[in-house]
PDB file of N, CA and C in Angstrom:
ATOM      1  N   MET A   1      -2.454 -20.760  27.621  1.00  0.00           N
ATOM      2  CA  MET A   1      -2.954 -21.265  26.606  1.00  0.00           C
ATOM      3  C   MET A   1      -3.060 -19.202  25.856  1.00  0.00           C
ATOM      4  N   ARG A   2      -2.725 -18.438  27.354  1.00  0.00           N
ATOM      5  CA  ARG A   2      -2.529 -16.667  27.065  1.00  0.00           C
ATOM      6  C   ARG A   2      -0.879 -17.049  26.354  1.00  0.00           C
ATOM      7  N   LYS A   3      -0.362 -17.451  26.850  1.00  0.00           N
ATOM      8  CA  LYS A   3       0.968 -17.187  26.398  1.00  0.00           C
ATOM      9  C   LYS A   3       1.145 -18.046  25.568  1.00  0.00           C
ATOM     10  N   LEU A   4       0.662 -19.218  25.140  1.00  0.00           N
ATOM     11  CA  LEU A   4       0.962 -19.780  23.762  1.00  0.00           C
ATOM     12  C   LEU A   4       0.145 -19.057  22.814  1.00  0.00           C
ATOM     13  N   LEU A   5      -0.672 -18.165  22.583  1.00  0.00           N
ATOM     14  CA  LEU A   5      -1.347 -17.220  21.876  1.00  0.00           C
ATOM     15  C   LEU A   5      -0.732 -16.093  21.753  1.00  0.00           C
ATOM     16  N   SER A   6       0.069 -15.186  22.732  1.00  0.00           N
ATOM     17  CA  SER A   6       0.661 -14.541  22.616  1.00  0.00           C
ATOM     18  C   SER A   6       2.415 -14.487  22.110  1.00  0.00           C
ATOM     19  N   LEU A   7       2.778 -15.301  21.887  1.00  0.00           N
ATOM     20  CA  LEU A   7       3.893 -16.593  21.571  1.00  0.00           C
ATOM     21  C   LEU A   7       3.643 -16.403  19.552  1.00  0.00           C
ATOM     22  N   PHE A   8       2.223 -17.136  19.359  1.00  0.00           N
ATOM     23  CA  PHE A   8       1.739 -17.150  17.951  1.00  0.00           C
ATOM     24  C   PHE A   8       1.867 -15.587  17.123  1.00  0.00           C
ATOM     25  N   VAL A   9       0.607 -14.897  17.879  1.00  0.00           N
ATOM     26  CA  VAL A   9       1.203 -13.727  17.555  1.00  0.00           C
ATOM     27  C   VAL A   9       2.353 -13.469  17.223  1.00  0.00           C
ATOM     28  N   LEU A  10       3.724 -12.657  18.639  1.00  0.00           N
ATOM     29  CA  LEU A  10       4.816 -12.727  18.216  1.00  0.00           C
ATOM     30  C   LEU A  10       5.517 -13.050  16.667  1.00  0.00           C
ATOM     31  N   LEU A  11       4.927 -14.459  16.813  1.00  0.00           N
ATOM     32  CA  LEU A  11       5.726 -15.241  16.137  1.00  0.00           C
ATOM     33  C   LEU A  11       5.230 -14.726  14.564  1.00  0.00           C
ATOM     34  N   PHE A  12       3.902 -14.665  14.300  1.00  0.00           N
ATOM     35  CA  PHE A  12       3.520 -14.023  13.100  1.00  0.00           C
ATOM     36  C   PHE A  12       3.687 -12.662  12.935  1.00  0.00           C
ATOM     37  N   PHE A  13       3.834 -11.336  13.559  1.00  0.00           N
ATOM     38  CA  PHE A  13       4.085 -10.557  13.593  1.00  0.00           C
ATOM     39  C   PHE A  13       5.794 -10.282  13.292  1.00  0.00           C
ATOM     40  N   SER A  14       6.395 -10.705  13.659  1.00  0.00           N
ATOM     41  CA  SER A  14       7.774 -11.059  13.374  1.00  0.00           C
ATOM     42  C   SER A  14       8.140 -11.204  11.910  1.00  0.00           C
ATOM     43  N   HIS A  15       7.254 -12.235  11.219  1.00  0.00           N
ATOM     44  CA  HIS A  15       7.626 -12.889  10.312  1.00  0.00           C
ATOM     45  C   HIS A  15       6.885 -11.733   9.056  1.00  0.00           C
ATOM     46  N   ALA A  16       6.351 -11.213   9.333  1.00  0.00           N
ATOM     47  CA  ALA A  16       5.047 -10.218   8.814  1.00  0.00           C
ATOM     48  C   ALA A  16       6.440  -8.534   8.551  1.00  0.00           C
ATOM     49  N   VAL A  17       7.452  -8.568   9.485  1.00  0.00           N
ATOM     50  CA  VAL A  17       8.056  -6.935   9.536  1.00  0.00           C
ATOM     51  C   VAL A  17       9.304  -7.622   8.965  1.00  0.00           C
ATOM     52  N   ASP A  18       9.777  -8.881   8.858  1.00  0.00           N
ATOM     53  CA  ASP A  18      10.823  -9.606   7.931  1.00  0.00           C
ATOM     54  C   ASP A  18      10.670  -9.620   6.105  1.00  0.00           C
ATOM     55  N   ALA A  19       9.626  -9.014   5.844  1.00  0.00           N
ATOM     56  CA  ALA A  19       8.864  -9.192   4.302  1.00  0.00           C
ATOM     57  C   ALA A  19       9.881  -8.397   3.477  1.00  0.00           C
ATOM     58  N   ALA A  20      10.350  -9.177   2.668  1.00  0.00           N
ATOM     59  CA  ALA A  20      10.763  -8.439   1.730  1.00  0.00           C
ATOM     60  C   ALA A  20      10.287  -7.277   0.907  1.00  0.00           C
ATOM     61  N   PHE A  21      10.902  -6.016  -0.208  1.00  0.00           N
ATOM     62  CA  PHE A  21       9.704  -5.362  -1.150  1.00  0.00           C
ATOM     63  C   PHE A  21       9.470  -6.617  -2.001  1.00  0.00           C
ATOM     64  N   GLY A  22       9.674  -7.439  -2.710  1.00  0.00           N
ATOM     65  CA  GLY A  22      10.385  -7.787  -3.725  1.00  0.00           C
ATOM     66  C   GLY A  22       9.358  -9.531  -3.174  1.00  0.00           C
ATOM     67  N   ASP A  23       8.743  -9.888  -2.219  1.00  0.00           N
ATOM     68  CA  ASP A  23       7.640 -11.280  -1.877  1.00  0.00           C
ATOM     69  C   ASP A  23       6.688 -10.897  -2.017  1.00  0.00           C
ATOM     70  N   TYR A  24       6.419  -9.381  -1.936  1.00  0.00           N
ATOM     71  CA  TYR A  24       5.075  -8.827  -1.940  1.00  0.00           C
ATOM     72  C   TYR A  24       4.303  -8.071  -3.195  1.00  0.00           C
ATOM     73  N   PHE A  25       5.508  -7.351  -3.753  1.00  0.00           N
ATOM     74  CA  PHE A  25       5.384  -6.166  -4.850  1.00  0.00           C
ATOM     75  C   PHE A  25       6.216  -6.307  -5.911  1.00  0.00           C
ATOM     76  N   LEU A  26       5.603  -5.510  -7.017  1.00  0.00           N
ATOM     77  CA  LEU A  26       6.540  -5.715  -8.341  1.00  0.00           C
ATOM     78  C   LEU A  26       7.043  -4.311  -8.408  1.00  0.00           C
ATOM     79  N   ASP A  27       7.989  -4.034  -9.048  1.00  0.00           N
ATOM     80  CA  ASP A  27       9.128  -2.974  -9.130  1.00  0.00           C
ATOM     81  C   ASP A  27       8.434  -1.771 -10.026  1.00  0.00           C
ATOM     82  N   LYS A  28       6.905  -1.809 -10.333  1.00  0.00           N
ATOM     83  CA  LYS A  28       6.051  -0.474 -11.084  1.00  0.00           C
ATOM     84  C   LYS A  28       5.452   0.160  -9.583  1.00  0.00           C
ATOM     85  N   SER A  29       4.922   1.015 -10.821  1.00  0.00           N
ATOM     86  CA  SER A  29       4.139   1.500 -10.152  1.00  0.00           C
ATOM     87  C   SER A  29       2.419   1.815 -10.810  1.00  0.00           C
ATOM     88  N   LEU A  30       1.550   1.648 -10.911  1.00  0.00           N
ATOM     89  CA  LEU A  30       0.036   2.225 -11.397  1.00  0.00           C
ATOM     90  C   LEU A  30      -0.615   3.406 -11.185  1.00  0.00           C
ATOM     91  N   ARG A  31      -0.266   4.539 -12.678  1.00  0.00           N
ATOM     92  CA  ARG A  31      -0.794   6.043 -11.894  1.00  0.00           C
ATOM     93  C   ARG A  31      -2.345   6.231 -12.189  1.00  0.00           C
ATOM     94  N   ILE A  32      -2.998   6.585 -11.240  1.00  0.00           N
ATOM     95  CA  ILE A  32      -4.224   6.576 -12.052  1.00  0.00           C
ATOM     96  C   ILE A  32      -4.335   8.315 -12.461  1.00  0.00           C
ATOM     97  N   ASP A  33      -4.812   8.732 -13.476  1.00  0.00           N
ATOM     98  CA  ASP A  33      -5.399   9.973 -13.655  1.00  0.00           C
ATOM     99  C   ASP A  33      -6.851   9.690 -13.925  1.00  0.00           C
ATOM    100  N   TYR A  34      -7.311  10.852 -13.720  1.00  0.00           N
ATOM    101  CA  TYR A  34      -8.691  11.047 -13.057  1.00  0.00           C
ATOM    102  C   TYR A  34      -9.443  12.717 -13.203  1.00  0.00           C
ATOM    103  N   PHE A  35     -10.224  12.697 -13.763  1.00  0.00           N
ATOM    104  CA  PHE A  35     -11.030  14.135 -13.731  1.00  0.00           C
ATOM    105  C   PHE A  35     -11.620  14.159 -12.342  1.00  0.00           C
ATOM    106  N   HIS A  36     -12.092  15.522 -11.695  1.00  0.00           N
ATOM    107  CA  HIS A  36     -12.704  15.972 -10.751  1.00  0.00           C
ATOM    108  C   HIS A  36     -13.595  17.072 -10.754  1.00  0.00           C
ATOM    109  N   THR A  37     -14.782  17.033 -11.344  1.00  0.00           N
ATOM    110  CA  THR A  37     -15.660  17.708 -11.818  1.00  0.00           C
ATOM    111  C   THR A  37     -16.857  18.260 -10.903  1.00  0.00           C
ATOM    112  N   GLY A  38     -17.624  19.019 -11.015  1.00  0.00           N
ATOM    113  CA  GLY A  38     -19.138  19.357 -10.391  1.00  0.00           C
ATOM    114  C   GLY A  38     -19.441  20.692 -10.464  1.00  0.00           C
ATOM    115  N   ASP A  39     -20.276  20.709  -9.737  1.00  0.00           N
ATOM    116  CA  ASP A  39     -20.976  22.253  -9.343  1.00  0.00           C
ATOM    117  C   ASP A  39     -21.524  22.714  -8.443  1.00  0.00           C
ATOM    118  N   TRP A  40     -22.263  23.261  -8.097  1.00  0.00           N
ATOM    119  CA  TRP A  40     -22.768  24.221  -6.483  1.00  0.00           C
ATOM    120  C   TRP A  40     -23.600  22.380  -5.786  1.00  0.00           C
ATOM    121  N   GLN A  41     -24.046  21.925  -6.842  1.00  0.00           N
ATOM    122  CA  GLN A  41     -24.775  20.851  -6.203  1.00  0.00           C
ATOM    123  C   GLN A  41     -24.361  19.039  -6.706  1.00  0.00           C
ATOM    124  N   SER A  42     -23.753  19.690  -7.145  1.00  0.00           N
ATOM    125  CA  SER A  42     -23.083  17.802  -7.307  1.00  0.00           C
ATOM    126  C   SER A  42     -21.299  17.884  -7.859  1.00  0.00           C
ATOM    127  N   GLU A  43     -20.698  16.995  -7.312  1.00  0.00           N
ATOM    128  CA  GLU A  43     -19.442  16.205  -8.091  1.00  0.00           C
ATOM    129  C   GLU A  43     -19.276  15.359  -8.378  1.00  0.00           C
ATOM    130  N   MET A  44     -18.748  15.186  -9.617  1.00  0.00           N
ATOM    131  CA  MET A  44     -17.873  13.177  -9.988  1.00  0.00           C
ATOM    132  C   MET A  44     -16.964  13.192 -10.240  1.00  0.00           C
ATOM    133  N   TYR A  45     -16.205  12.174 -10.092  1.00  0.00           N
ATOM    134  CA  TYR A  45     -14.954  11.325 -10.117  1.00  0.00           C
ATOM    135  C   TYR A  45     -14.922  11.193 -11.382  1.00  0.00           C
ATOM    136  N   SER A  46     -14.076  10.739 -12.561  1.00  0.00           N
ATOM    137  CA  SER A  46     -14.147  10.019 -13.939  1.00  0.00           C
ATOM    138  C   SER A  46     -12.482   9.661 -14.130  1.00  0.00           C
ATOM    139  N   ILE A  47     -12.528   8.521 -14.108  1.00  0.00           N
ATOM    140  CA  ILE A  47     -11.056   7.779 -14.582  1.00  0.00           C
ATOM    141  C   ILE A  47     -10.890   8.134 -16.249  1.00  0.00           C
ATOM    142  N   ASP A  48      -9.434   8.877 -15.975  1.00  0.00           N
ATOM    143  CA  ASP A  48      -9.623   9.144 -17.780  1.00  0.00           C
ATOM    144  C   ASP A  48      -8.184   7.961 -17.823  1.00  0.00           C
ATOM    145  N   LYS A  49      -7.165   7.550 -17.477  1.00  0.00           N
ATOM    146  CA  LYS A  49      -6.348   6.955 -17.246  1.00  0.00           C
ATOM    147  C   LYS A  49      -6.133   5.805 -16.999  1.00  0.00           C
ATOM    148  N   LEU A  50      -5.364   4.419 -16.936  1.00  0.00           N
ATOM    149  CA  LEU A  50      -4.543   3.712 -16.093  1.00  0.00           C
ATOM    150  C   LEU A  50      -3.228   3.424 -16.848  1.00  0.00           C
ATOM    151  N   ILE A  51      -2.193   4.020 -16.038  1.00  0.00           N
ATOM    152  CA  ILE A  51      -0.852   4.170 -16.647  1.00  0.00           C
ATOM    153  C   ILE A  51       0.423   2.869 -16.360  1.00  0.00           C
ATOM    154  N   GLU A  52       0.756   1.798 -16.189  1.00  0.00           N
ATOM    155  CA  GLU A  52       1.775   1.463 -15.692  1.00  0.00           C
ATOM    156  C   GLU A  52       2.818   2.216 -15.789  1.00  0.00           C
ATOM    157  N   GLU A  53       3.412   2.316 -15.040  1.00  0.00           N
ATOM    158  CA  GLU A  53       4.505   3.049 -14.594  1.00  0.00           C
ATOM    159  C   GLU A  53       5.632   2.033 -14.837  1.00  0.00           C
ATOM    160  N   PRO A  54       7.296   2.244 -15.175  1.00  0.00           N
ATOM    161  CA  PRO A  54       7.901   0.882 -14.622  1.00  0.00           C
ATOM    162  C   PRO A  54       9.182   1.436 -13.830  1.00  0.00           C
ATOM    163  N   TYR A  55       8.649   2.082 -12.784  1.00  0.00           N
ATOM    164  CA  TYR A  55       9.322   2.101 -11.983  1.00  0.00           C
ATOM    165  C   TYR A  55       8.478   2.465 -10.597  1.00  0.00           C
ATOM    166  N   TRP A  56       9.210   1.898  -9.426  1.00  0.00           N
ATOM    167  CA  TRP A  56       8.579   1.967  -8.120  1.00  0.00           C
ATOM    168  C   TRP A  56       8.914   3.551  -7.295  1.00  0.00           C
ATOM    169  N   GLY A  57       8.396   4.219  -6.988  1.00  0.00           N
ATOM    170  CA  GLY A  57       8.766   6.220  -6.555  1.00  0.00           C
ATOM    171  C   GLY A  57       9.074   5.576  -4.866  1.00  0.00           C
ATOM    172  N   GLY A  58       8.706   4.385  -4.164  1.00  0.00           N
ATOM    173  CA  GLY A  58       8.781   4.767  -2.730  1.00  0.00           C
ATOM    174  C   GLY A  58      10.267   4.110  -2.909  1.00  0.00           C
ATOM    175  N   THR A  59      10.110   3.738  -1.151  1.00  0.00           N
ATOM    176  CA  THR A  59      10.712   3.410  -0.521  1.00  0.00           C
ATOM    177  C   THR A  59      10.755   1.661  -0.648  1.00  0.00           C
ATOM    178  N   LYS A  60      12.213   1.038  -0.812  1.00  0.00           N
ATOM    179  CA  LYS A  60      11.695  -0.947  -0.995  1.00  0.00           C
ATOM    180  C   LYS A  60      12.598  -1.265   0.921  1.00  0.00           C
ATOM    181  N   THR A  61      12.563  -0.116   1.191  1.00  0.00           N
ATOM    182  CA  THR A  61      12.962  -0.966   2.687  1.00  0.00           C
ATOM    183  C   THR A  61      12.146  -0.783   3.883  1.00  0.00           C
ATOM    184  N   ASN A  62      11.350   0.647   3.821  1.00  0.00           N
ATOM    185  CA  ASN A  62      10.867   0.660   4.950  1.00  0.00           C
ATOM    186  C   ASN A  62       9.285   0.179   4.464  1.00  0.00           C
ATOM    187  N   LEU A  63       8.188  -0.689   4.675  1.00  0.00           N
ATOM    188  CA  LEU A  63       7.187  -0.987   4.394  1.00  0.00           C
ATOM    189  C   LEU A  63       6.042  -0.980   5.124  1.00  0.00           C
ATOM    190  N   ILE A  64       6.748  -1.037   6.155  1.00  0.00           N
ATOM    191  CA  ILE A  64       5.327  -0.460   7.555  1.00  0.00           C
ATOM    192  C   ILE A  64       5.854   1.872   7.138  1.00  0.00           C
ATOM    193  N   ASP A  65       4.356   1.868   7.420  1.00  0.00           N
ATOM    194  CA  ASP A  65       5.033   3.541   7.907  1.00  0.00           C
ATOM    195  C   ASP A  65       5.084   3.525   8.952  1.00  0.00           C
ATOM    196  N   PRO A  66       5.974   4.412   9.385  1.00  0.00           N
ATOM    197  CA  PRO A  66       6.037   4.404  11.419  1.00  0.00           C
ATOM    198  C   PRO A  66       5.289   5.456  11.823  1.00  0.00           C
ATOM    199  N   PHE A  67       5.045   6.571  10.398  1.00  0.00           N
ATOM    200  CA  PHE A  67       4.153   7.869  11.104  1.00  0.00           C
ATOM    201  C   PHE A  67       2.428   7.284  11.223  1.00  0.00           C
ATOM    202  N   ASP A  68       2.376   6.345  10.443  1.00  0.00           N
ATOM    203  CA  ASP A  68       0.883   6.355  10.853  1.00  0.00           C
ATOM    204  C   ASP A  68       0.029   7.586   9.652  1.00  0.00           C
ATOM    205  N   TYR A  69       0.364   7.627   8.723  1.00  0.00           N
ATOM    206  CA  TYR A  69      -0.183   8.125   7.313  1.00  0.00           C
ATOM    207  C   TYR A  69      -0.853   7.445   7.001  1.00  0.00           C
TER     208      TYR A  69
END
């Protein structure tokens, strides 16, 4: 049973690593413009604009962060 479970986990994660950028993402970005305001007692975030950028600024080959940021 343990071998079967290990094989299933290995096959599942090997499929996830082979995924291409186009399988899960669009070649776009969503930019969120916001305000961070406050005083000495409180702070507040408020969204100003949501803008759809026509391009993707990141890498399309390394979808998994190797540095765990």
